[in-house]
PDB file of N, CA and C in Angstrom:
ATOM      1  N   MET A   1      52.274  87.282 -81.612  1.00  0.00           N
ATOM      2  CA  MET A   1      51.413  87.302 -82.739  1.00  0.00           C
ATOM      3  C   MET A   1      49.782  86.906 -81.954  1.00  0.00           C
ATOM      4  N   PHE A   2      49.367  86.101 -81.405  1.00  0.00           N
ATOM      5  CA  PHE A   2      48.071  85.777 -80.874  1.00  0.00           C
ATOM      6  C   PHE A   2      48.218  86.328 -79.261  1.00  0.00           C
ATOM      7  N   ASN A   3      47.237  86.584 -78.767  1.00  0.00           N
ATOM      8  CA  ASN A   3      47.060  86.974 -77.361  1.00  0.00           C
ATOM      9  C   ASN A   3      45.880  86.114 -76.992  1.00  0.00           C
ATOM     10  N   TRP A   4      46.098  85.020 -76.322  1.00  0.00           N
ATOM     11  CA  TRP A   4      44.985  83.760 -75.899  1.00  0.00           C
ATOM     12  C   TRP A   4      44.815  83.955 -74.400  1.00  0.00           C
ATOM     13  N   ALA A   5      44.837  85.185 -74.034  1.00  0.00           N
ATOM     14  CA  ALA A   5      44.472  85.401 -72.491  1.00  0.00           C
ATOM     15  C   ALA A   5      43.050  85.398 -72.472  1.00  0.00           C
ATOM     16  N   MET A   6      42.689  85.004 -71.242  1.00  0.00           N
ATOM     17  CA  MET A   6      41.244  85.169 -71.179  1.00  0.00           C
ATOM     18  C   MET A   6      40.558  86.385 -70.612  1.00  0.00           C
ATOM     19  N   PRO A   7      39.458  86.720 -70.994  1.00  0.00           N
ATOM     20  CA  PRO A   7      39.131  88.037 -70.510  1.00  0.00           C
ATOM     21  C   PRO A   7      38.635  88.003 -68.811  1.00  0.00           C
ATOM     22  N   ASP A   8      38.624  89.058 -68.264  1.00  0.00           N
ATOM     23  CA  ASP A   8      38.420  88.953 -66.721  1.00  0.00           C
ATOM     24  C   ASP A   8      36.880  88.735 -66.762  1.00  0.00           C
ATOM     25  N   LEU A   9      36.314  87.756 -66.235  1.00  0.00           N
ATOM     26  CA  LEU A   9      34.951  87.472 -66.183  1.00  0.00           C
ATOM     27  C   LEU A   9      34.621  87.393 -64.572  1.00  0.00           C
ATOM     28  N   GLY A  10      35.320  88.101 -63.753  1.00  0.00           N
ATOM     29  CA  GLY A  10      35.149  87.765 -62.267  1.00  0.00           C
ATOM     30  C   GLY A  10      33.613  88.205 -61.739  1.00  0.00           C
ATOM     31  N   ILE A  11      33.009  89.286 -62.159  1.00  0.00           N
ATOM     32  CA  ILE A  11      32.035  89.604 -61.690  1.00  0.00           C
ATOM     33  C   ILE A  11      30.878  88.603 -62.441  1.00  0.00           C
ATOM     34  N   GLY A  12      30.899  88.605 -63.607  1.00  0.00           N
ATOM     35  CA  GLY A  12      29.907  87.775 -64.100  1.00  0.00           C
ATOM     36  C   GLY A  12      29.998  86.352 -63.586  1.00  0.00           C
ATOM     37  N   ILE A  13      30.944  85.556 -63.459  1.00  0.00           N
ATOM     38  CA  ILE A  13      31.194  84.264 -62.775  1.00  0.00           C
ATOM     39  C   ILE A  13      30.605  84.464 -61.379  1.00  0.00           C
ATOM     40  N   PHE A  14      30.728  85.563 -60.697  1.00  0.00           N
ATOM     41  CA  PHE A  14      30.247  85.751 -59.260  1.00  0.00           C
ATOM     42  C   PHE A  14      28.757  85.843 -59.229  1.00  0.00           C
ATOM     43  N   ILE A  15      28.102  86.339 -60.342  1.00  0.00           N
ATOM     44  CA  ILE A  15      26.859  86.448 -60.506  1.00  0.00           C
ATOM     45  C   ILE A  15      26.206  85.137 -60.711  1.00  0.00           C
ATOM     46  N   LEU A  16      26.875  84.555 -61.583  1.00  0.00           N
ATOM     47  CA  LEU A  16      26.079  83.146 -61.867  1.00  0.00           C
ATOM     48  C   LEU A  16      26.194  82.238 -60.870  1.00  0.00           C
ATOM     49  N   ILE A  17      27.314  82.298 -59.836  1.00  0.00           N
ATOM     50  CA  ILE A  17      27.194  81.403 -58.815  1.00  0.00           C
ATOM     51  C   ILE A  17      26.558  81.719 -57.725  1.00  0.00           C
ATOM     52  N   ILE A  18      26.140  82.724 -57.460  1.00  0.00           N
ATOM     53  CA  ILE A  18      24.841  83.356 -56.662  1.00  0.00           C
ATOM     54  C   ILE A  18      23.783  82.972 -56.945  1.00  0.00           C
ATOM     55  N   TRP A  19      23.431  83.196 -58.449  1.00  0.00           N
ATOM     56  CA  TRP A  19      22.006  82.600 -59.244  1.00  0.00           C
ATOM     57  C   TRP A  19      21.895  81.283 -58.988  1.00  0.00           C
ATOM     58  N   GLU A  20      23.019  80.408 -59.136  1.00  0.00           N
ATOM     59  CA  GLU A  20      22.630  78.951 -59.153  1.00  0.00           C
ATOM     60  C   GLU A  20      22.623  78.326 -57.568  1.00  0.00           C
ATOM     61  N   ALA A  21      23.418  79.077 -56.548  1.00  0.00           N
ATOM     62  CA  ALA A  21      23.297  78.971 -55.290  1.00  0.00           C
ATOM     63  C   ALA A  21      21.897  78.989 -54.920  1.00  0.00           C
ATOM     64  N   PHE A  22      21.206  80.446 -55.327  1.00  0.00           N
ATOM     65  CA  PHE A  22      20.004  80.656 -54.812  1.00  0.00           C
ATOM     66  C   PHE A  22      18.894  79.562 -55.134  1.00  0.00           C
ATOM     67  N   TRP A  23      18.796  79.381 -56.437  1.00  0.00           N
ATOM     68  CA  TRP A  23      18.027  78.542 -56.915  1.00  0.00           C
ATOM     69  C   TRP A  23      17.983  77.075 -56.312  1.00  0.00           C
ATOM     70  N   LYS A  24      19.417  76.686 -56.439  1.00  0.00           N
ATOM     71  CA  LYS A  24      19.490  75.383 -55.798  1.00  0.00           C
ATOM     72  C   LYS A  24      19.225  75.132 -54.525  1.00  0.00           C
ATOM     73  N   GLY A  25      19.323  76.248 -53.670  1.00  0.00           N
ATOM     74  CA  GLY A  25      19.042  76.017 -52.235  1.00  0.00           C
ATOM     75  C   GLY A  25      17.529  75.920 -52.038  1.00  0.00           C
ATOM     76  N   ILE A  26      16.676  76.834 -52.728  1.00  0.00           N
ATOM     77  CA  ILE A  26      15.304  76.956 -52.660  1.00  0.00           C
ATOM     78  C   ILE A  26      14.761  75.468 -53.287  1.00  0.00           C
ATOM     79  N   GLY A  27      15.218  74.709 -54.537  1.00  0.00           N
ATOM     80  CA  GLY A  27      14.736  73.736 -54.987  1.00  0.00           C
ATOM     81  C   GLY A  27      15.168  72.511 -53.840  1.00  0.00           C
ATOM     82  N   LEU A  28      16.358  72.590 -53.322  1.00  0.00           N
ATOM     83  CA  LEU A  28      16.786  71.381 -52.407  1.00  0.00           C
ATOM     84  C   LEU A  28      15.775  71.643 -51.054  1.00  0.00           C
ATOM     85  N   TRP A  29      15.452  72.664 -50.597  1.00  0.00           N
ATOM     86  CA  TRP A  29      14.715  72.791 -49.295  1.00  0.00           C
ATOM     87  C   TRP A  29      13.350  72.306 -49.762  1.00  0.00           C
ATOM     88  N   LYS A  30      12.759  72.863 -50.641  1.00  0.00           N
ATOM     89  CA  LYS A  30      11.301  72.646 -50.953  1.00  0.00           C
ATOM     90  C   LYS A  30      11.243  70.885 -51.301  1.00  0.00           C
ATOM     91  N   SER A  31      12.262  70.386 -52.139  1.00  0.00           N
ATOM     92  CA  SER A  31      12.151  69.024 -52.472  1.00  0.00           C
ATOM     93  C   SER A  31      12.173  67.964 -51.435  1.00  0.00           C
ATOM     94  N   ALA A  32      13.077  68.496 -50.162  1.00  0.00           N
ATOM     95  CA  ALA A  32      13.572  67.817 -49.033  1.00  0.00           C
ATOM     96  C   ALA A  32      12.255  67.831 -48.034  1.00  0.00           C
ATOM     97  N   LYS A  33      11.707  68.909 -48.110  1.00  0.00           N
ATOM     98  CA  LYS A  33      10.511  69.236 -47.291  1.00  0.00           C
ATOM     99  C   LYS A  33       9.260  68.343 -47.575  1.00  0.00           C
ATOM    100  N   LYS A  34       9.102  68.381 -48.968  1.00  0.00           N
ATOM    101  CA  LYS A  34       8.060  67.417 -49.492  1.00  0.00           C
ATOM    102  C   LYS A  34       8.472  66.108 -49.504  1.00  0.00           C
ATOM    103  N   GLY A  35       9.470  65.652 -49.412  1.00  0.00           N
ATOM    104  CA  GLY A  35       9.948  64.123 -49.484  1.00  0.00           C
ATOM    105  C   GLY A  35      10.139  63.530 -50.746  1.00  0.00           C
ATOM    106  N   ASP A  36      10.717  64.269 -51.673  1.00  0.00           N
ATOM    107  CA  ASP A  36      10.923  63.854 -53.177  1.00  0.00           C
ATOM    108  C   ASP A  36      12.413  63.533 -53.347  1.00  0.00           C
ATOM    109  N   THR A  37      12.690  62.556 -52.881  1.00  0.00           N
ATOM    110  CA  THR A  37      13.974  62.046 -52.878  1.00  0.00           C
ATOM    111  C   THR A  37      14.766  62.044 -54.282  1.00  0.00           C
ATOM    112  N   LEU A  38      14.123  61.682 -55.218  1.00  0.00           N
ATOM    113  CA  LEU A  38      14.688  61.544 -56.506  1.00  0.00           C
ATOM    114  C   LEU A  38      15.023  63.169 -57.113  1.00  0.00           C
ATOM    115  N   TRP A  39      13.990  64.015 -56.836  1.00  0.00           N
ATOM    116  CA  TRP A  39      14.321  65.306 -57.151  1.00  0.00           C
ATOM    117  C   TRP A  39      15.332  65.858 -56.088  1.00  0.00           C
ATOM    118  N   PHE A  40      15.435  65.788 -55.087  1.00  0.00           N
ATOM    119  CA  PHE A  40      16.620  66.089 -54.211  1.00  0.00           C
ATOM    120  C   PHE A  40      17.853  65.750 -54.843  1.00  0.00           C
ATOM    121  N   VAL A  41      18.073  64.431 -55.053  1.00  0.00           N
ATOM    122  CA  VAL A  41      19.279  63.878 -55.653  1.00  0.00           C
ATOM    123  C   VAL A  41      19.761  64.496 -57.017  1.00  0.00           C
ATOM    124  N   ALA A  42      18.446  64.579 -58.107  1.00  0.00           N
ATOM    125  CA  ALA A  42      18.812  65.231 -59.024  1.00  0.00           C
ATOM    126  C   ALA A  42      19.565  66.585 -59.078  1.00  0.00           C
ATOM    127  N   ILE A  43      18.685  67.422 -58.094  1.00  0.00           N
ATOM    128  CA  ILE A  43      19.228  68.736 -57.932  1.00  0.00           C
ATOM    129  C   ILE A  43      20.352  68.901 -57.295  1.00  0.00           C
ATOM    130  N   PHE A  44      20.960  67.780 -56.380  1.00  0.00           N
ATOM    131  CA  PHE A  44      21.911  68.142 -55.784  1.00  0.00           C
ATOM    132  C   PHE A  44      23.093  67.790 -56.675  1.00  0.00           C
ATOM    133  N   LEU A  45      23.050  66.702 -57.629  1.00  0.00           N
ATOM    134  CA  LEU A  45      24.050  66.205 -58.373  1.00  0.00           C
ATOM    135  C   LEU A  45      24.366  66.870 -59.826  1.00  0.00           C
ATOM    136  N   ILE A  46      23.369  67.463 -60.112  1.00  0.00           N
ATOM    137  CA  ILE A  46      23.242  68.203 -61.473  1.00  0.00           C
ATOM    138  C   ILE A  46      23.365  69.688 -61.379  1.00  0.00           C
ATOM    139  N   ASN A  47      24.153  70.537 -61.710  1.00  0.00           N
ATOM    140  CA  ASN A  47      24.179  71.802 -61.921  1.00  0.00           C
ATOM    141  C   ASN A  47      24.052  72.306 -63.288  1.00  0.00           C
ATOM    142  N   PHE A  48      23.307  73.301 -63.505  1.00  0.00           N
ATOM    143  CA  PHE A  48      23.067  74.064 -64.742  1.00  0.00           C
ATOM    144  C   PHE A  48      22.113  75.288 -64.597  1.00  0.00           C
ATOM    145  N   PHE A  49      22.783  76.235 -64.067  1.00  0.00           N
ATOM    146  CA  PHE A  49      22.260  77.356 -63.592  1.00  0.00           C
ATOM    147  C   PHE A  49      21.097  77.631 -63.346  1.00  0.00           C
ATOM    148  N   GLY A  50      20.727  76.881 -62.209  1.00  0.00           N
ATOM    149  CA  GLY A  50      19.170  76.850 -61.729  1.00  0.00           C
ATOM    150  C   GLY A  50      18.272  76.241 -62.454  1.00  0.00           C
ATOM    151  N   ILE A  51      18.292  75.654 -63.471  1.00  0.00           N
ATOM    152  CA  ILE A  51      17.382  75.167 -64.617  1.00  0.00           C
ATOM    153  C   ILE A  51      16.565  73.839 -63.896  1.00  0.00           C
ATOM    154  N   ILE A  52      17.382  73.051 -63.287  1.00  0.00           N
ATOM    155  CA  ILE A  52      16.804  71.922 -62.717  1.00  0.00           C
ATOM    156  C   ILE A  52      15.670  72.136 -61.497  1.00  0.00           C
ATOM    157  N   PRO A  53      16.316  72.919 -60.395  1.00  0.00           N
ATOM    158  CA  PRO A  53      15.508  73.540 -59.390  1.00  0.00           C
ATOM    159  C   PRO A  53      14.325  74.300 -59.767  1.00  0.00           C
ATOM    160  N   ILE A  54      14.541  75.197 -60.945  1.00  0.00           N
ATOM    161  CA  ILE A  54      13.526  76.016 -61.259  1.00  0.00           C
ATOM    162  C   ILE A  54      12.396  75.320 -61.840  1.00  0.00           C
ATOM    163  N   PHE A  55      12.810  74.203 -62.920  1.00  0.00           N
ATOM    164  CA  PHE A  55      11.944  73.045 -63.341  1.00  0.00           C
ATOM    165  C   PHE A  55      11.171  72.405 -62.379  1.00  0.00           C
ATOM    166  N   TYR A  56      11.869  71.962 -61.262  1.00  0.00           N
ATOM    167  CA  TYR A  56      11.159  71.327 -60.163  1.00  0.00           C
ATOM    168  C   TYR A  56      10.040  72.211 -59.581  1.00  0.00           C
ATOM    169  N   LEU A  57      10.593  73.218 -59.182  1.00  0.00           N
ATOM    170  CA  LEU A  57       9.504  74.225 -58.444  1.00  0.00           C
ATOM    171  C   LEU A  57       8.127  74.424 -59.285  1.00  0.00           C
ATOM    172  N   TRP A  58       8.549  74.739 -60.706  1.00  0.00           N
ATOM    173  CA  TRP A  58       7.309  74.993 -61.641  1.00  0.00           C
ATOM    174  C   TRP A  58       6.604  73.736 -61.709  1.00  0.00           C
ATOM    175  N   ARG A  59       7.375  72.574 -62.049  1.00  0.00           N
ATOM    176  CA  ARG A  59       6.528  71.457 -62.089  1.00  0.00           C
ATOM    177  C   ARG A  59       5.573  70.860 -61.019  1.00  0.00           C
ATOM    178  N   THR A  60       6.153  71.272 -59.805  1.00  0.00           N
ATOM    179  CA  THR A  60       5.335  70.752 -58.633  1.00  0.00           C
ATOM    180  C   THR A  60       4.290  72.115 -58.001  1.00  0.00           C
ATOM    181  N   LYS A  61       4.323  72.969 -59.039  1.00  0.00           N
ATOM    182  CA  LYS A  61       3.401  74.210 -58.570  1.00  0.00           C
ATOM    183  C   LYS A  61       3.842  74.747 -57.321  1.00  0.00           C
ATOM    184  N   GLN A  62       5.083  75.052 -57.161  1.00  0.00           N
ATOM    185  CA  GLN A  62       5.662  75.850 -56.175  1.00  0.00           C
ATOM    186  C   GLN A  62       6.347  77.017 -56.348  1.00  0.00           C
ATOM    187  N   LEU A  63       6.670  77.425 -57.581  1.00  0.00           N
ATOM    188  CA  LEU A  63       7.287  78.521 -58.248  1.00  0.00           C
ATOM    189  C   LEU A  63       6.842  79.772 -57.576  1.00  0.00           C
ATOM    190  N   ASN A  64       5.704  79.881 -57.950  1.00  0.00           N
ATOM    191  CA  ASN A  64       5.051  81.024 -57.570  1.00  0.00           C
ATOM    192  C   ASN A  64       5.164  81.444 -56.117  1.00  0.00           C
ATOM    193  N   GLY A  65       4.951  80.436 -55.494  1.00  0.00           N
ATOM    194  CA  GLY A  65       5.078  80.475 -53.899  1.00  0.00           C
ATOM    195  C   GLY A  65       6.544  81.113 -53.660  1.00  0.00           C
ATOM    196  N   ALA A  66       7.396  80.244 -54.200  1.00  0.00           N
ATOM    197  CA  ALA A  66       8.999  80.687 -53.860  1.00  0.00           C
ATOM    198  C   ALA A  66       9.345  82.008 -54.432  1.00  0.00           C
ATOM    199  N   ILE A  67       8.875  82.340 -55.461  1.00  0.00           N
ATOM    200  CA  ILE A  67       8.962  83.762 -55.899  1.00  0.00           C
ATOM    201  C   ILE A  67       8.358  84.745 -54.948  1.00  0.00           C
ATOM    202  N   LYS A  68       7.157  84.377 -54.352  1.00  0.00           N
ATOM    203  CA  LYS A  68       6.399  85.289 -53.321  1.00  0.00           C
ATOM    204  C   LYS A  68       7.524  85.304 -52.043  1.00  0.00           C
ATOM    205  N   ASP A  69       7.953  84.133 -51.655  1.00  0.00           N
ATOM    206  CA  ASP A  69       8.943  84.139 -50.748  1.00  0.00           C
ATOM    207  C   ASP A  69       9.933  85.042 -50.699  1.00  0.00           C
ATOM    208  N   VAL A  70      10.599  84.844 -51.754  1.00  0.00           N
ATOM    209  CA  VAL A  70      11.920  85.837 -52.226  1.00  0.00           C
ATOM    210  C   VAL A  70      11.367  87.364 -52.150  1.00  0.00           C
ATOM    211  N   GLN A  71      10.329  87.627 -52.734  1.00  0.00           N
ATOM    212  CA  GLN A  71       9.983  89.287 -52.722  1.00  0.00           C
ATOM    213  C   GLN A  71       9.741  89.538 -51.361  1.00  0.00           C
ATOM    214  N   ASN A  72       9.003  88.777 -50.538  1.00  0.00           N
ATOM    215  CA  ASN A  72       8.400  89.329 -49.050  1.00  0.00           C
ATOM    216  C   ASN A  72       9.899  89.246 -48.511  1.00  0.00           C
ATOM    217  N   PHE A  73      10.918  88.309 -48.667  1.00  0.00           N
ATOM    218  CA  PHE A  73      12.054  88.367 -48.113  1.00  0.00           C
ATOM    219  C   PHE A  73      12.824  89.731 -48.188  1.00  0.00           C
ATOM    220  N   PHE A  74      12.835  89.961 -49.370  1.00  0.00           N
ATOM    221  CA  PHE A  74      13.644  91.113 -49.750  1.00  0.00           C
ATOM    222  C   PHE A  74      12.861  92.624 -49.306  1.00  0.00           C
ATOM    223  N   THR A  75      11.814  92.579 -49.605  1.00  0.00           N
ATOM    224  CA  THR A  75      10.944  93.911 -49.195  1.00  0.00           C
ATOM    225  C   THR A  75      11.038  93.984 -47.566  1.00  0.00           C
ATOM    226  N   SER A  76      10.946  92.650 -46.955  1.00  0.00           N
ATOM    227  CA  SER A  76      11.088  93.032 -45.336  1.00  0.00           C
ATOM    228  C   SER A  76      12.395  93.298 -44.912  1.00  0.00           C
ATOM    229  N   LYS A  77      13.548  92.948 -45.493  1.00  0.00           N
ATOM    230  CA  LYS A  77      14.788  93.191 -45.161  1.00  0.00           C
ATOM    231  C   LYS A  77      15.305  94.580 -45.741  1.00  0.00           C
ATOM    232  N   PHE A  78      14.861  95.100 -46.881  1.00  0.00           N
ATOM    233  CA  PHE A  78      15.527  96.315 -47.337  1.00  0.00           C
ATOM    234  C   PHE A  78      14.641  97.440 -47.653  1.00  0.00           C
ATOM    235  N   MET A  79      13.348  97.325 -47.220  1.00  0.00           N
ATOM    236  CA  MET A  79      12.357  98.223 -47.297  1.00  0.00           C
ATOM    237  C   MET A  79      11.802  98.902 -46.154  1.00  0.00           C
ATOM    238  N   LYS A  80      12.503  98.597 -45.120  1.00  0.00           N
ATOM    239  CA  LYS A  80      12.502  99.154 -43.676  1.00  0.00           C
ATOM    240  C   LYS A  80      12.873 100.499 -43.445  1.00  0.00           C
TER     241      LYS A  80
END
């Protein structure tokens, strides 16, 4: 009668996991480096698709630097 099977979301979930891990890693690294314990704990404990780490980086005016670091990383690794 009804087919309640879940659709195959494998690649979409994988992309979201990579997205979250990437932004969480940058946010944790920058907050630990700066000594922002409260932000570090919030980023570590709360997961919501990178919104908290991106907000932290934006709020502390480090987002543009983080984006430039990522651009430099990818251009140096893949444009040689």
